[in-house]
Amino acid sequence: MIPAKIRRTLGTRSGQSLTIGLDGATIRLRTIDAAIDRAQAIARRRRKEPASVVDTFIAERREDAARE
């Protein structure tokens, strides 16, 4: 059971799911939405550029044109 004050701080309702994690000796609670946002931010930082298929296509066409 999570105290009401902490639920209000997190912006959660009674019965809403949370993730729990350990960071050293610290327990971290996150809403599911916050956990998804964090995972997406990590994925964006690790994504290789160019991220767009269109950018890759254009780069390949430019390389082809330069060879001609």
N, C-alpha and C. Protein backbone atom coordinates (compact mmCIF):
# COMPACT_ATOMS: atom_id res chain seq x y z
N MET A 1 0.84 -1.16 0.00
CA MET A 1 0.00 0.00 0.00
C MET A 1 0.90 1.24 0.00
N ILE A 2 0.59 2.17 -0.89
CA ILE A 2 1.34 3.42 -1.01
C ILE A 2 0.55 4.52 -0.30
N PRO A 3 1.19 5.28 0.58
CA PRO A 3 0.48 6.36 1.27
C PRO A 3 -0.11 7.38 0.29
N ALA A 4 -1.24 7.96 0.67
CA ALA A 4 -1.95 8.91 -0.20
C ALA A 4 -1.08 10.08 -0.60
N LYS A 5 -0.26 10.60 0.31
CA LYS A 5 0.59 11.74 0.00
C LYS A 5 1.56 11.40 -1.15
N ILE A 6 2.11 10.21 -1.12
CA ILE A 6 3.03 9.80 -2.19
C ILE A 6 2.27 9.60 -3.49
N ARG A 7 1.07 9.00 -3.43
CA ARG A 7 0.26 8.82 -4.63
C ARG A 7 -0.07 10.18 -5.26
N ARG A 8 -0.41 11.16 -4.43
CA ARG A 8 -0.71 12.50 -4.96
C ARG A 8 0.53 13.11 -5.61
N THR A 9 1.68 12.95 -4.99
CA THR A 9 2.93 13.48 -5.54
C THR A 9 3.23 12.85 -6.90
N LEU A 10 2.98 11.56 -7.02
CA LEU A 10 3.20 10.85 -8.28
C LEU A 10 2.09 11.11 -9.29
N GLY A 11 0.97 11.63 -8.82
CA GLY A 11 -0.17 11.85 -9.71
C GLY A 11 -0.90 10.58 -10.04
N THR A 12 -0.92 9.63 -9.10
CA THR A 12 -1.58 8.34 -9.35
C THR A 12 -2.87 8.23 -8.55
N ARG A 13 -3.67 7.26 -8.93
CA ARG A 13 -4.91 6.95 -8.23
C ARG A 13 -4.71 5.66 -7.44
N SER A 14 -5.55 5.45 -6.49
CA SER A 14 -5.54 4.21 -5.73
C SER A 14 -5.80 3.05 -6.69
N GLY A 15 -4.97 2.03 -6.64
CA GLY A 15 -5.14 0.87 -7.50
C GLY A 15 -4.37 0.95 -8.81
N GLN A 16 -3.80 2.11 -9.15
CA GLN A 16 -3.04 2.26 -10.39
C GLN A 16 -1.71 1.53 -10.27
N SER A 17 -1.27 0.92 -11.36
CA SER A 17 -0.01 0.18 -11.36
C SER A 17 1.19 1.11 -11.38
N LEU A 18 2.23 0.71 -10.68
CA LEU A 18 3.50 1.43 -10.65
C LEU A 18 4.62 0.44 -10.91
N THR A 19 5.77 0.96 -11.35
CA THR A 19 6.96 0.13 -11.42
C THR A 19 7.80 0.47 -10.19
N ILE A 20 8.56 -0.48 -9.75
CA ILE A 20 9.43 -0.27 -8.60
C ILE A 20 10.83 -0.71 -9.00
N GLY A 21 11.80 0.09 -8.63
CA GLY A 21 13.18 -0.25 -8.96
C GLY A 21 14.10 0.12 -7.82
N LEU A 22 15.26 -0.47 -7.83
CA LEU A 22 16.26 -0.23 -6.80
C LEU A 22 17.44 0.47 -7.44
N ASP A 23 17.86 1.58 -6.86
CA ASP A 23 19.03 2.34 -7.32
C ASP A 23 19.96 2.46 -6.13
N GLY A 24 20.86 1.49 -6.01
CA GLY A 24 21.69 1.42 -4.80
C GLY A 24 20.80 1.08 -3.62
N ALA A 25 20.77 1.95 -2.63
CA ALA A 25 19.92 1.73 -1.46
C ALA A 25 18.62 2.53 -1.55
N THR A 26 18.31 3.07 -2.74
CA THR A 26 17.12 3.90 -2.93
C THR A 26 16.08 3.15 -3.73
N ILE A 27 14.85 3.18 -3.26
CA ILE A 27 13.73 2.58 -3.99
C ILE A 27 13.09 3.66 -4.84
N ARG A 28 12.88 3.36 -6.12
CA ARG A 28 12.26 4.32 -7.04
C ARG A 28 10.91 3.79 -7.50
N LEU A 29 9.88 4.61 -7.37
CA LEU A 29 8.55 4.30 -7.87
C LEU A 29 8.29 5.17 -9.08
N ARG A 30 7.74 4.56 -10.13
CA ARG A 30 7.37 5.31 -11.34
C ARG A 30 6.01 4.84 -11.80
N THR A 31 5.26 5.78 -12.36
CA THR A 31 4.02 5.38 -13.02
C THR A 31 4.40 4.62 -14.29
N ILE A 32 3.49 3.87 -14.83
CA ILE A 32 3.76 3.13 -16.06
C ILE A 32 4.10 4.12 -17.18
N ASP A 33 3.35 5.24 -17.27
CA ASP A 33 3.64 6.25 -18.29
C ASP A 33 5.04 6.81 -18.14
N ALA A 34 5.46 7.10 -16.91
CA ALA A 34 6.80 7.63 -16.67
C ALA A 34 7.86 6.60 -17.05
N ALA A 35 7.61 5.33 -16.76
CA ALA A 35 8.56 4.27 -17.11
C ALA A 35 8.68 4.14 -18.63
N ILE A 36 7.56 4.25 -19.34
CA ILE A 36 7.58 4.19 -20.81
C ILE A 36 8.34 5.39 -21.37
N ASP A 37 8.07 6.59 -20.84
CA ASP A 37 8.78 7.79 -21.29
C ASP A 37 10.29 7.63 -21.10
N ARG A 38 10.69 7.09 -19.97
CA ARG A 38 12.12 6.89 -19.68
C ARG A 38 12.73 5.89 -20.66
N ALA A 39 12.03 4.78 -20.90
CA ALA A 39 12.53 3.78 -21.84
C ALA A 39 12.65 4.35 -23.25
N GLN A 40 11.69 5.16 -23.67
CA GLN A 40 11.75 5.77 -25.00
C GLN A 40 12.91 6.76 -25.09
N ALA A 41 13.16 7.50 -24.05
CA ALA A 41 14.29 8.45 -24.04
C ALA A 41 15.61 7.70 -24.17
N ILE A 42 15.73 6.59 -23.46
CA ILE A 42 16.95 5.78 -23.56
C ILE A 42 17.12 5.24 -24.98
N ALA A 43 16.02 4.75 -25.56
CA ALA A 43 16.08 4.21 -26.92
C ALA A 43 16.46 5.29 -27.92
N ARG A 44 15.93 6.52 -27.76
CA ARG A 44 16.28 7.61 -28.68
C ARG A 44 17.77 7.94 -28.60
N ARG A 45 18.34 7.92 -27.40
CA ARG A 45 19.76 8.23 -27.24
C ARG A 45 20.64 7.16 -27.89
N ARG A 46 20.19 5.93 -27.92
CA ARG A 46 21.00 4.83 -28.45
C ARG A 46 20.76 4.55 -29.92
N ARG A 47 19.76 5.20 -30.51
CA ARG A 47 19.41 4.96 -31.90
C ARG A 47 20.52 5.48 -32.81
N LYS A 48 20.84 4.71 -33.81
CA LYS A 48 21.86 5.11 -34.78
C LYS A 48 21.23 6.05 -35.79
N GLU A 49 21.99 7.02 -36.23
CA GLU A 49 21.53 7.96 -37.25
C GLU A 49 21.95 7.46 -38.62
N PRO A 50 21.31 7.70 -39.70
CA PRO A 50 20.05 8.42 -39.74
C PRO A 50 18.90 7.55 -39.24
N ALA A 51 18.00 8.15 -38.55
CA ALA A 51 16.89 7.43 -37.96
C ALA A 51 15.78 7.20 -38.98
N SER A 52 15.77 8.00 -40.02
CA SER A 52 14.68 7.95 -40.98
C SER A 52 15.07 7.10 -42.19
N VAL A 53 14.15 6.27 -42.63
CA VAL A 53 14.36 5.48 -43.85
C VAL A 53 14.48 6.43 -45.04
N VAL A 54 13.73 7.52 -45.00
CA VAL A 54 13.78 8.50 -46.08
C VAL A 54 15.18 9.12 -46.17
N ASP A 55 15.76 9.47 -45.01
CA ASP A 55 17.11 10.03 -45.00
C ASP A 55 18.12 9.05 -45.60
N THR A 56 17.97 7.78 -45.26
CA THR A 56 18.86 6.75 -45.81
C THR A 56 18.70 6.66 -47.33
N PHE A 57 17.47 6.66 -47.79
CA PHE A 57 17.18 6.60 -49.23
C PHE A 57 17.81 7.77 -49.97
N ILE A 58 17.62 8.98 -49.44
CA ILE A 58 18.16 10.18 -50.08
C ILE A 58 19.68 10.13 -50.10
N ALA A 59 20.30 9.70 -49.01
CA ALA A 59 21.76 9.59 -48.97
C ALA A 59 22.26 8.61 -50.02
N GLU A 60 21.57 7.48 -50.18
CA GLU A 60 21.97 6.50 -51.19
C GLU A 60 21.83 7.06 -52.60
N ARG A 61 20.75 7.80 -52.87
CA ARG A 61 20.55 8.39 -54.19
C ARG A 61 21.65 9.41 -54.48
N ARG A 62 22.04 10.19 -53.48
CA ARG A 62 23.11 11.17 -53.68
C ARG A 62 24.43 10.48 -53.98
N GLU A 63 24.70 9.37 -53.29
CA GLU A 63 25.92 8.61 -53.56
C GLU A 63 25.90 8.07 -54.99
N ASP A 64 24.74 7.56 -55.42
CA ASP A 64 24.61 7.05 -56.79
C ASP A 64 24.86 8.17 -57.79
N ALA A 65 24.29 9.34 -57.55
CA ALA A 65 24.45 10.47 -58.47
C ALA A 65 25.90 10.91 -58.53
N ALA A 66 26.59 10.89 -57.41
CA ALA A 66 27.99 11.31 -57.38
C ALA A 66 28.87 10.35 -58.17
N ARG A 67 28.53 9.07 -58.20
CA ARG A 67 29.30 8.08 -58.93
C ARG A 67 29.08 8.19 -60.44
N GLU A 68 27.97 8.75 -60.87
CA GLU A 68 27.64 8.83 -62.31
C GLU A 68 28.35 9.91 -63.02
